[in-house]
Amino acid sequence: MRKRVTEKVLQSWDEVNEALKNIGRADNAIAAIEARMNEQIAQVKAEAKAQAKEYEETKKLQEMMIQQYVSVNKSELKGKSHKLAFGVVGFRFSTKLVLPKEVKPVIEALRSNGMLDCLNQAVTINKEVLKTYAEEQILKVGGSLQKADTFWYEVDKESIQDK
């Protein structure tokens, strides 16, 4: 279904220039609104963090005291945990892999030991480089070039400030 344009159609370059000025003013207004919004969000986050600080400190202290008690009384645990009315405490066996900060020797060691499954190998297509090849070559690899005359505009924001 086609739709008719019912809005005013621009008739001159002066009208196009005025439309660009209106876009610039709208961009400036949007930026000001977003800046106020971000300021309010930052303020609300800071207030929430301040309100939660006391609870965070209480929680941290309680966690430390629980861990200390359970560590001292580990022999009383049935298995690795102890169920209480308000939760469960215990110990979990965990394994953490520690690697040196310099990873190049580790990568080389993995390669030389045939442990290639331990290496990530992400391969992606660099479209900007591929676009520089001849169209025949692009077609050979399954790509194609779409060419279009695309409209663009740029608002001179400095000339619109407070006008």
N, C-alpha and C. Protein backbone atom coordinates (compact mmCIF):
# COMPACT_ATOMS: atom_id res chain seq x y z
N MET A 1 0.84 -1.17 0.00
CA MET A 1 0.00 0.00 0.00
C MET A 1 0.90 1.24 0.00
N ARG A 2 0.60 2.16 -0.87
CA ARG A 2 1.36 3.40 -0.93
C ARG A 2 0.74 4.44 -0.03
N LYS A 3 1.57 5.32 0.44
CA LYS A 3 1.10 6.36 1.33
C LYS A 3 1.47 7.71 0.75
N ARG A 4 0.51 8.61 0.70
CA ARG A 4 0.79 9.94 0.18
C ARG A 4 1.42 10.81 1.25
N VAL A 5 2.33 11.65 0.82
CA VAL A 5 2.93 12.61 1.73
C VAL A 5 1.97 13.78 1.85
N THR A 6 1.46 13.97 3.07
CA THR A 6 0.49 15.05 3.27
C THR A 6 1.12 16.28 3.90
N GLU A 7 2.36 16.13 4.42
CA GLU A 7 3.04 17.27 5.00
C GLU A 7 3.53 18.19 3.89
N LYS A 8 3.86 19.39 4.31
CA LYS A 8 4.37 20.39 3.39
C LYS A 8 5.67 19.89 2.76
N VAL A 9 5.81 20.05 1.47
CA VAL A 9 7.03 19.70 0.76
C VAL A 9 7.86 20.97 0.64
N LEU A 10 9.15 20.86 0.91
CA LEU A 10 10.02 22.03 0.85
C LEU A 10 10.12 22.52 -0.59
N GLN A 11 10.14 23.84 -0.74
CA GLN A 11 10.10 24.44 -2.07
C GLN A 11 11.38 25.18 -2.45
N SER A 12 12.30 25.39 -1.46
CA SER A 12 13.50 26.16 -1.78
C SER A 12 14.65 25.75 -0.86
N TRP A 13 15.86 26.18 -1.21
CA TRP A 13 17.02 25.91 -0.39
C TRP A 13 16.91 26.63 0.95
N ASP A 14 16.26 27.79 0.95
CA ASP A 14 16.05 28.49 2.22
C ASP A 14 15.19 27.66 3.16
N GLU A 15 14.17 26.99 2.62
CA GLU A 15 13.32 26.14 3.45
C GLU A 15 14.09 24.90 3.93
N VAL A 16 14.98 24.37 3.10
CA VAL A 16 15.83 23.24 3.52
C VAL A 16 16.74 23.71 4.66
N ASN A 17 17.33 24.90 4.52
CA ASN A 17 18.19 25.46 5.55
C ASN A 17 17.42 25.64 6.85
N GLU A 18 16.18 26.13 6.77
CA GLU A 18 15.34 26.32 7.96
C GLU A 18 15.03 24.96 8.61
N ALA A 19 14.80 23.95 7.78
CA ALA A 19 14.53 22.60 8.31
C ALA A 19 15.77 22.08 9.04
N LEU A 20 16.97 22.32 8.49
CA LEU A 20 18.20 21.91 9.18
C LEU A 20 18.33 22.64 10.51
N LYS A 21 17.97 23.91 10.55
CA LYS A 21 18.02 24.66 11.80
C LYS A 21 17.05 24.05 12.82
N ASN A 22 15.86 23.66 12.37
CA ASN A 22 14.88 23.04 13.27
C ASN A 22 15.39 21.70 13.79
N ILE A 23 16.05 20.92 12.94
CA ILE A 23 16.63 19.65 13.38
C ILE A 23 17.70 19.92 14.43
N GLY A 24 18.56 20.90 14.19
CA GLY A 24 19.60 21.25 15.15
C GLY A 24 19.03 21.67 16.48
N ARG A 25 17.98 22.48 16.45
CA ARG A 25 17.32 22.90 17.70
C ARG A 25 16.74 21.68 18.43
N ALA A 26 16.13 20.78 17.67
CA ALA A 26 15.57 19.57 18.28
C ALA A 26 16.68 18.73 18.89
N ASP A 27 17.81 18.57 18.18
CA ASP A 27 18.95 17.82 18.73
C ASP A 27 19.44 18.45 20.02
N ASN A 28 19.55 19.79 20.04
CA ASN A 28 20.01 20.49 21.24
C ASN A 28 19.05 20.27 22.40
N ALA A 29 17.74 20.34 22.12
CA ALA A 29 16.75 20.13 23.18
C ALA A 29 16.82 18.69 23.71
N ILE A 30 16.96 17.73 22.80
CA ILE A 30 17.06 16.33 23.21
C ILE A 30 18.30 16.13 24.07
N ALA A 31 19.43 16.72 23.66
CA ALA A 31 20.67 16.59 24.44
C ALA A 31 20.51 17.18 25.83
N ALA A 32 19.83 18.32 25.94
CA ALA A 32 19.62 18.94 27.24
C ALA A 32 18.73 18.06 28.12
N ILE A 33 17.69 17.49 27.54
CA ILE A 33 16.79 16.60 28.29
C ILE A 33 17.55 15.36 28.77
N GLU A 34 18.36 14.78 27.88
CA GLU A 34 19.13 13.59 28.26
C GLU A 34 20.16 13.91 29.32
N ALA A 35 20.76 15.11 29.26
CA ALA A 35 21.74 15.50 30.28
C ALA A 35 21.06 15.62 31.64
N ARG A 36 19.87 16.24 31.68
CA ARG A 36 19.13 16.34 32.94
C ARG A 36 18.75 14.96 33.46
N MET A 37 18.33 14.09 32.54
CA MET A 37 17.96 12.72 32.92
C MET A 37 19.16 12.00 33.53
N ASN A 38 20.31 12.08 32.87
CA ASN A 38 21.51 11.40 33.37
C ASN A 38 21.95 11.96 34.72
N GLU A 39 21.77 13.26 34.89
CA GLU A 39 22.10 13.89 36.18
C GLU A 39 21.19 13.34 37.28
N GLN A 40 19.90 13.23 36.97
CA GLN A 40 18.94 12.70 37.95
C GLN A 40 19.23 11.24 38.25
N ILE A 41 19.57 10.46 37.22
CA ILE A 41 19.89 9.04 37.42
C ILE A 41 21.10 8.91 38.33
N ALA A 42 22.14 9.72 38.07
CA ALA A 42 23.35 9.67 38.90
C ALA A 42 23.03 10.04 40.34
N GLN A 43 22.16 11.02 40.53
CA GLN A 43 21.78 11.45 41.88
C GLN A 43 21.01 10.35 42.60
N VAL A 44 20.07 9.71 41.90
CA VAL A 44 19.29 8.63 42.51
C VAL A 44 20.19 7.45 42.86
N LYS A 45 21.15 7.13 41.97
CA LYS A 45 22.08 6.02 42.25
C LYS A 45 22.91 6.33 43.49
N ALA A 46 23.39 7.57 43.58
CA ALA A 46 24.20 7.96 44.74
C ALA A 46 23.39 7.87 46.03
N GLU A 47 22.13 8.31 45.98
CA GLU A 47 21.27 8.24 47.16
C GLU A 47 21.01 6.79 47.56
N ALA A 48 20.75 5.93 46.57
CA ALA A 48 20.49 4.51 46.85
C ALA A 48 21.73 3.86 47.44
N LYS A 49 22.90 4.20 46.91
CA LYS A 49 24.14 3.63 47.43
C LYS A 49 24.35 4.06 48.88
N ALA A 50 24.07 5.32 49.18
CA ALA A 50 24.22 5.82 50.55
C ALA A 50 23.25 5.12 51.49
N GLN A 51 22.01 4.90 51.03
CA GLN A 51 21.01 4.22 51.86
C GLN A 51 21.39 2.76 52.10
N ALA A 52 22.00 2.13 51.11
CA ALA A 52 22.34 0.71 51.23
C ALA A 52 23.64 0.48 51.98
N LYS A 53 24.45 1.52 52.18
CA LYS A 53 25.77 1.35 52.78
C LYS A 53 25.71 0.66 54.14
N GLU A 54 24.81 1.10 55.00
CA GLU A 54 24.68 0.50 56.34
C GLU A 54 24.36 -0.99 56.22
N TYR A 55 23.46 -1.35 55.31
CA TYR A 55 23.08 -2.75 55.14
C TYR A 55 24.23 -3.58 54.56
N GLU A 56 24.98 -2.99 53.64
CA GLU A 56 26.14 -3.69 53.07
C GLU A 56 27.17 -3.99 54.15
N GLU A 57 27.42 -3.01 55.01
CA GLU A 57 28.39 -3.21 56.09
C GLU A 57 27.91 -4.26 57.09
N THR A 58 26.61 -4.23 57.41
CA THR A 58 26.03 -5.24 58.32
C THR A 58 26.16 -6.62 57.70
N LYS A 59 25.83 -6.73 56.44
CA LYS A 59 25.90 -8.01 55.74
C LYS A 59 27.33 -8.55 55.74
N LYS A 60 28.29 -7.69 55.42
CA LYS A 60 29.69 -8.11 55.37
C LYS A 60 30.16 -8.61 56.74
N LEU A 61 29.81 -7.89 57.80
CA LEU A 61 30.20 -8.29 59.15
C LEU A 61 29.57 -9.64 59.52
N GLN A 62 28.28 -9.82 59.22
CA GLN A 62 27.59 -11.07 59.52
C GLN A 62 28.23 -12.23 58.75
N GLU A 63 28.56 -12.00 57.48
CA GLU A 63 29.20 -13.05 56.68
C GLU A 63 30.54 -13.46 57.29
N MET A 64 31.33 -12.48 57.72
CA MET A 64 32.62 -12.79 58.34
C MET A 64 32.44 -13.59 59.62
N MET A 65 31.48 -13.20 60.46
CA MET A 65 31.26 -13.91 61.72
C MET A 65 30.77 -15.33 61.47
N ILE A 66 29.88 -15.51 60.50
CA ILE A 66 29.38 -16.85 60.17
C ILE A 66 30.53 -17.71 59.67
N GLN A 67 31.33 -17.18 58.74
CA GLN A 67 32.45 -17.95 58.19
C GLN A 67 33.43 -18.35 59.29
N GLN A 68 33.69 -17.44 60.21
CA GLN A 68 34.61 -17.74 61.30
C GLN A 68 34.06 -18.87 62.17
N TYR A 69 32.79 -18.79 62.56
CA TYR A 69 32.19 -19.81 63.43
C TYR A 69 32.18 -21.17 62.73
N VAL A 70 31.73 -21.19 61.46
CA VAL A 70 31.63 -22.46 60.74
C VAL A 70 33.02 -23.06 60.53
N SER A 71 34.01 -22.23 60.29
CA SER A 71 35.39 -22.73 60.12
C SER A 71 35.88 -23.40 61.39
N VAL A 72 35.62 -22.78 62.54
CA VAL A 72 36.06 -23.33 63.82
C VAL A 72 35.31 -24.63 64.13
N ASN A 73 34.03 -24.71 63.74
CA ASN A 73 33.19 -25.87 64.06
C ASN A 73 32.95 -26.76 62.85
N LYS A 74 33.88 -26.80 61.93
CA LYS A 74 33.74 -27.57 60.69
C LYS A 74 33.50 -29.05 60.96
N SER A 75 34.03 -29.56 62.04
CA SER A 75 33.89 -31.00 62.35
C SER A 75 32.44 -31.38 62.66
N GLU A 76 31.60 -30.43 63.01
CA GLU A 76 30.20 -30.72 63.33
C GLU A 76 29.30 -30.78 62.09
N LEU A 77 29.83 -30.43 60.94
CA LEU A 77 29.02 -30.45 59.72
C LEU A 77 28.72 -31.88 59.32
N LYS A 78 27.49 -32.11 58.87
CA LYS A 78 27.10 -33.41 58.33
C LYS A 78 27.38 -33.34 56.84
N GLY A 79 28.47 -33.92 56.43
CA GLY A 79 28.90 -33.77 55.05
C GLY A 79 29.66 -32.46 54.92
N LYS A 80 29.24 -31.65 53.97
CA LYS A 80 29.93 -30.38 53.76
C LYS A 80 29.07 -29.19 54.09
N SER A 81 27.86 -29.43 54.61
CA SER A 81 26.97 -28.32 54.91
C SER A 81 26.13 -28.59 56.16
N HIS A 82 25.50 -27.53 56.65
CA HIS A 82 24.65 -27.63 57.83
C HIS A 82 23.40 -26.79 57.57
N LYS A 83 22.24 -27.45 57.59
CA LYS A 83 20.98 -26.76 57.34
C LYS A 83 20.47 -26.15 58.63
N LEU A 84 20.10 -24.89 58.56
CA LEU A 84 19.54 -24.17 59.70
C LEU A 84 18.16 -23.65 59.32
N ALA A 85 17.45 -23.05 60.26
CA ALA A 85 16.10 -22.55 59.99
C ALA A 85 16.09 -21.47 58.91
N PHE A 86 17.14 -20.64 58.85
CA PHE A 86 17.14 -19.51 57.92
C PHE A 86 18.16 -19.65 56.79
N GLY A 87 18.63 -20.87 56.56
CA GLY A 87 19.55 -21.07 55.46
C GLY A 87 20.47 -22.24 55.67
N VAL A 88 21.46 -22.33 54.84
CA VAL A 88 22.42 -23.43 54.87
C VAL A 88 23.82 -22.82 54.85
N VAL A 89 24.72 -23.39 55.66
CA VAL A 89 26.12 -22.96 55.66
C VAL A 89 26.98 -24.18 55.37
N GLY A 90 28.15 -23.95 54.86
CA GLY A 90 29.03 -25.08 54.60
C GLY A 90 30.21 -24.69 53.75
N PHE A 91 30.86 -25.71 53.21
CA PHE A 91 32.03 -25.51 52.38
C PHE A 91 31.81 -26.21 51.06
N ARG A 92 32.32 -25.62 50.01
CA ARG A 92 32.29 -26.20 48.68
C ARG A 92 33.72 -26.35 48.21
N PHE A 93 34.02 -27.48 47.63
CA PHE A 93 35.33 -27.66 47.05
C PHE A 93 35.33 -26.98 45.69
N SER A 94 36.28 -26.09 45.48
CA SER A 94 36.34 -25.39 44.20
C SER A 94 37.77 -25.43 43.68
N THR A 95 37.87 -25.38 42.38
CA THR A 95 39.18 -25.38 41.73
C THR A 95 39.27 -24.12 40.88
N LYS A 96 40.34 -23.38 41.08
CA LYS A 96 40.55 -22.15 40.33
C LYS A 96 41.84 -22.28 39.56
N LEU A 97 41.79 -22.00 38.29
CA LEU A 97 42.98 -22.05 37.45
C LEU A 97 43.73 -20.73 37.60
N VAL A 98 45.01 -20.82 37.89
CA VAL A 98 45.85 -19.64 38.04
C VAL A 98 46.88 -19.66 36.93
N LEU A 99 46.94 -18.57 36.16
CA LEU A 99 47.91 -18.46 35.07
C LEU A 99 48.80 -17.25 35.31
N PRO A 100 50.01 -17.29 34.79
CA PRO A 100 50.87 -16.12 34.94
C PRO A 100 50.31 -14.93 34.16
N LYS A 101 50.71 -13.72 34.55
CA LYS A 101 50.22 -12.52 33.87
C LYS A 101 50.66 -12.49 32.41
N GLU A 102 51.85 -12.96 32.14
CA GLU A 102 52.36 -13.02 30.77
C GLU A 102 51.82 -14.29 30.12
N VAL A 103 50.87 -14.15 29.17
CA VAL A 103 50.21 -15.32 28.61
C VAL A 103 50.87 -15.87 27.35
N LYS A 104 51.72 -15.09 26.72
CA LYS A 104 52.35 -15.57 25.48
C LYS A 104 53.11 -16.89 25.68
N PRO A 105 53.92 -17.03 26.75
CA PRO A 105 54.59 -18.34 26.94
C PRO A 105 53.59 -19.47 27.17
N VAL A 106 52.49 -19.18 27.83
CA VAL A 106 51.47 -20.22 28.07
C VAL A 106 50.85 -20.64 26.75
N ILE A 107 50.55 -19.67 25.90
CA ILE A 107 49.96 -19.98 24.59
C ILE A 107 50.93 -20.82 23.77
N GLU A 108 52.21 -20.45 23.77
CA GLU A 108 53.21 -21.23 23.03
C GLU A 108 53.35 -22.64 23.60
N ALA A 109 53.29 -22.75 24.92
CA ALA A 109 53.38 -24.08 25.56
C ALA A 109 52.17 -24.93 25.20
N LEU A 110 51.00 -24.33 25.17
CA LEU A 110 49.79 -25.07 24.77
C LEU A 110 49.93 -25.57 23.33
N ARG A 111 50.44 -24.73 22.45
CA ARG A 111 50.62 -25.12 21.04
C ARG A 111 51.65 -26.26 20.93
N SER A 112 52.78 -26.09 21.61
CA SER A 112 53.84 -27.10 21.48
C SER A 112 53.44 -28.43 22.12
N ASN A 113 52.53 -28.43 23.07
CA ASN A 113 52.07 -29.66 23.71
C ASN A 113 50.81 -30.23 23.05
N GLY A 114 50.40 -29.63 21.93
CA GLY A 114 49.24 -30.15 21.20
C GLY A 114 47.92 -29.92 21.90
N MET A 115 47.87 -28.93 22.75
CA MET A 115 46.64 -28.64 23.51
C MET A 115 45.86 -27.51 22.85
N LEU A 116 45.65 -27.62 21.53
CA LEU A 116 45.01 -26.56 20.76
C LEU A 116 43.55 -26.33 21.16
N ASP A 117 42.93 -27.35 21.75
CA ASP A 117 41.54 -27.19 22.19
C ASP A 117 41.42 -26.19 23.34
N CYS A 118 42.54 -25.81 23.93
CA CYS A 118 42.54 -24.84 25.03
C CYS A 118 42.66 -23.41 24.52
N LEU A 119 42.79 -23.24 23.22
CA LEU A 119 42.95 -21.91 22.65
C LEU A 119 41.68 -21.50 21.92
N ASN A 120 41.26 -20.25 22.14
CA ASN A 120 40.13 -19.69 21.40
C ASN A 120 40.64 -19.15 20.08
N GLN A 121 39.92 -19.44 19.04
CA GLN A 121 40.31 -18.95 17.72
C GLN A 121 39.10 -18.35 17.04
N ALA A 122 38.82 -17.10 17.35
CA ALA A 122 37.68 -16.41 16.75
C ALA A 122 38.10 -15.82 15.41
N VAL A 123 37.42 -16.21 14.35
CA VAL A 123 37.70 -15.70 13.02
C VAL A 123 36.47 -14.95 12.53
N THR A 124 36.67 -13.71 12.12
CA THR A 124 35.57 -12.91 11.60
C THR A 124 35.99 -12.32 10.26
N ILE A 125 35.03 -11.82 9.52
CA ILE A 125 35.29 -11.22 8.21
C ILE A 125 35.47 -9.72 8.38
N ASN A 126 36.56 -9.20 7.85
CA ASN A 126 36.79 -7.77 7.86
C ASN A 126 36.15 -7.21 6.59
N LYS A 127 34.92 -6.72 6.73
CA LYS A 127 34.15 -6.25 5.57
C LYS A 127 34.79 -5.05 4.89
N GLU A 128 35.41 -4.17 5.67
CA GLU A 128 36.03 -2.98 5.09
C GLU A 128 37.18 -3.37 4.16
N VAL A 129 37.95 -4.37 4.54
CA VAL A 129 39.05 -4.82 3.68
C VAL A 129 38.49 -5.57 2.48
N LEU A 130 37.52 -6.45 2.70
CA LEU A 130 36.92 -7.21 1.60
C LEU A 130 36.31 -6.27 0.56
N LYS A 131 35.74 -5.16 1.01
CA LYS A 131 35.11 -4.18 0.11
C LYS A 131 36.13 -3.55 -0.84
N THR A 132 37.42 -3.59 -0.51
CA THR A 132 38.45 -3.00 -1.37
C THR A 132 38.85 -3.92 -2.52
N TYR A 133 38.45 -5.18 -2.48
CA TYR A 133 38.77 -6.12 -3.56
C TYR A 133 37.89 -5.86 -4.77
N ALA A 134 38.33 -6.38 -5.91
CA ALA A 134 37.54 -6.26 -7.14
C ALA A 134 36.23 -7.02 -6.98
N GLU A 135 35.21 -6.54 -7.67
CA GLU A 135 33.88 -7.14 -7.54
C GLU A 135 33.88 -8.62 -7.93
N GLU A 136 34.70 -8.99 -8.93
CA GLU A 136 34.78 -10.39 -9.36
C GLU A 136 35.28 -11.28 -8.23
N GLN A 137 36.28 -10.78 -7.49
CA GLN A 137 36.82 -11.56 -6.37
C GLN A 137 35.80 -11.67 -5.24
N ILE A 138 35.05 -10.60 -4.99
CA ILE A 138 34.02 -10.62 -3.95
C ILE A 138 32.94 -11.63 -4.31
N LEU A 139 32.58 -11.68 -5.60
CA LEU A 139 31.58 -12.65 -6.05
C LEU A 139 32.08 -14.09 -5.88
N LYS A 140 33.38 -14.31 -6.09
CA LYS A 140 33.96 -15.66 -5.95
C LYS A 140 33.82 -16.21 -4.54
N VAL A 141 33.85 -15.33 -3.53
CA VAL A 141 33.76 -15.80 -2.14
C VAL A 141 32.33 -15.77 -1.61
N GLY A 142 31.37 -15.46 -2.49
CA GLY A 142 29.97 -15.51 -2.08
C GLY A 142 29.39 -14.18 -1.65
N GLY A 143 30.13 -13.12 -1.85
CA GLY A 143 29.62 -11.79 -1.47
C GLY A 143 29.15 -11.03 -2.69
N SER A 144 28.65 -9.86 -2.47
CA SER A 144 28.25 -8.97 -3.55
C SER A 144 28.31 -7.53 -3.04
N LEU A 145 28.33 -6.60 -3.95
CA LEU A 145 28.34 -5.19 -3.58
C LEU A 145 26.97 -4.60 -3.87
N GLN A 146 26.39 -3.95 -2.91
CA GLN A 146 25.14 -3.22 -3.11
C GLN A 146 25.51 -1.75 -3.17
N LYS A 147 25.15 -1.11 -4.25
CA LYS A 147 25.49 0.29 -4.42
C LYS A 147 24.21 1.10 -4.39
N ALA A 148 24.26 2.20 -3.63
CA ALA A 148 23.08 3.05 -3.51
C ALA A 148 23.54 4.48 -3.27
N ASP A 149 22.79 5.41 -3.78
CA ASP A 149 23.02 6.83 -3.54
C ASP A 149 22.23 7.17 -2.29
N THR A 150 22.90 7.27 -1.15
CA THR A 150 22.25 7.42 0.13
C THR A 150 22.24 8.88 0.57
N PHE A 151 21.06 9.35 0.95
CA PHE A 151 20.92 10.73 1.41
C PHE A 151 21.57 10.89 2.77
N TRP A 152 22.15 12.07 3.02
CA TRP A 152 22.72 12.38 4.32
C TRP A 152 22.58 13.87 4.56
N TYR A 153 22.70 14.26 5.80
CA TYR A 153 22.75 15.68 6.14
C TYR A 153 23.58 15.85 7.38
N GLU A 154 24.06 17.07 7.58
CA GLU A 154 24.86 17.38 8.75
C GLU A 154 24.43 18.76 9.23
N VAL A 155 24.10 18.84 10.49
CA VAL A 155 23.66 20.11 11.07
C VAL A 155 24.88 20.84 11.63
N ASP A 156 24.99 22.13 11.34
CA ASP A 156 26.05 22.96 11.91
C ASP A 156 25.57 23.41 13.28
N LYS A 157 25.85 22.60 14.31
CA LYS A 157 25.31 22.83 15.65
C LYS A 157 25.78 24.15 16.26
N GLU A 158 26.98 24.57 15.95
CA GLU A 158 27.50 25.81 16.53
C GLU A 158 26.72 27.03 16.04
N SER A 159 26.25 27.00 14.79
CA SER A 159 25.52 28.16 14.28
C SER A 159 24.10 28.24 14.82
N ILE A 160 23.65 27.16 15.47
CA ILE A 160 22.27 27.11 15.97
C ILE A 160 22.20 27.49 17.43
N GLN A 161 23.32 27.46 18.15
CA GLN A 161 23.32 27.72 19.59
C GLN A 161 22.56 29.00 19.92
N ASP A 162 21.52 28.86 20.72
CA ASP A 162 20.72 29.99 21.24
C ASP A 162 20.26 30.94 20.15
N LYS A 163 19.86 30.44 19.02
CA LYS A 163 19.33 31.31 17.95
C LYS A 163 17.88 31.01 17.71
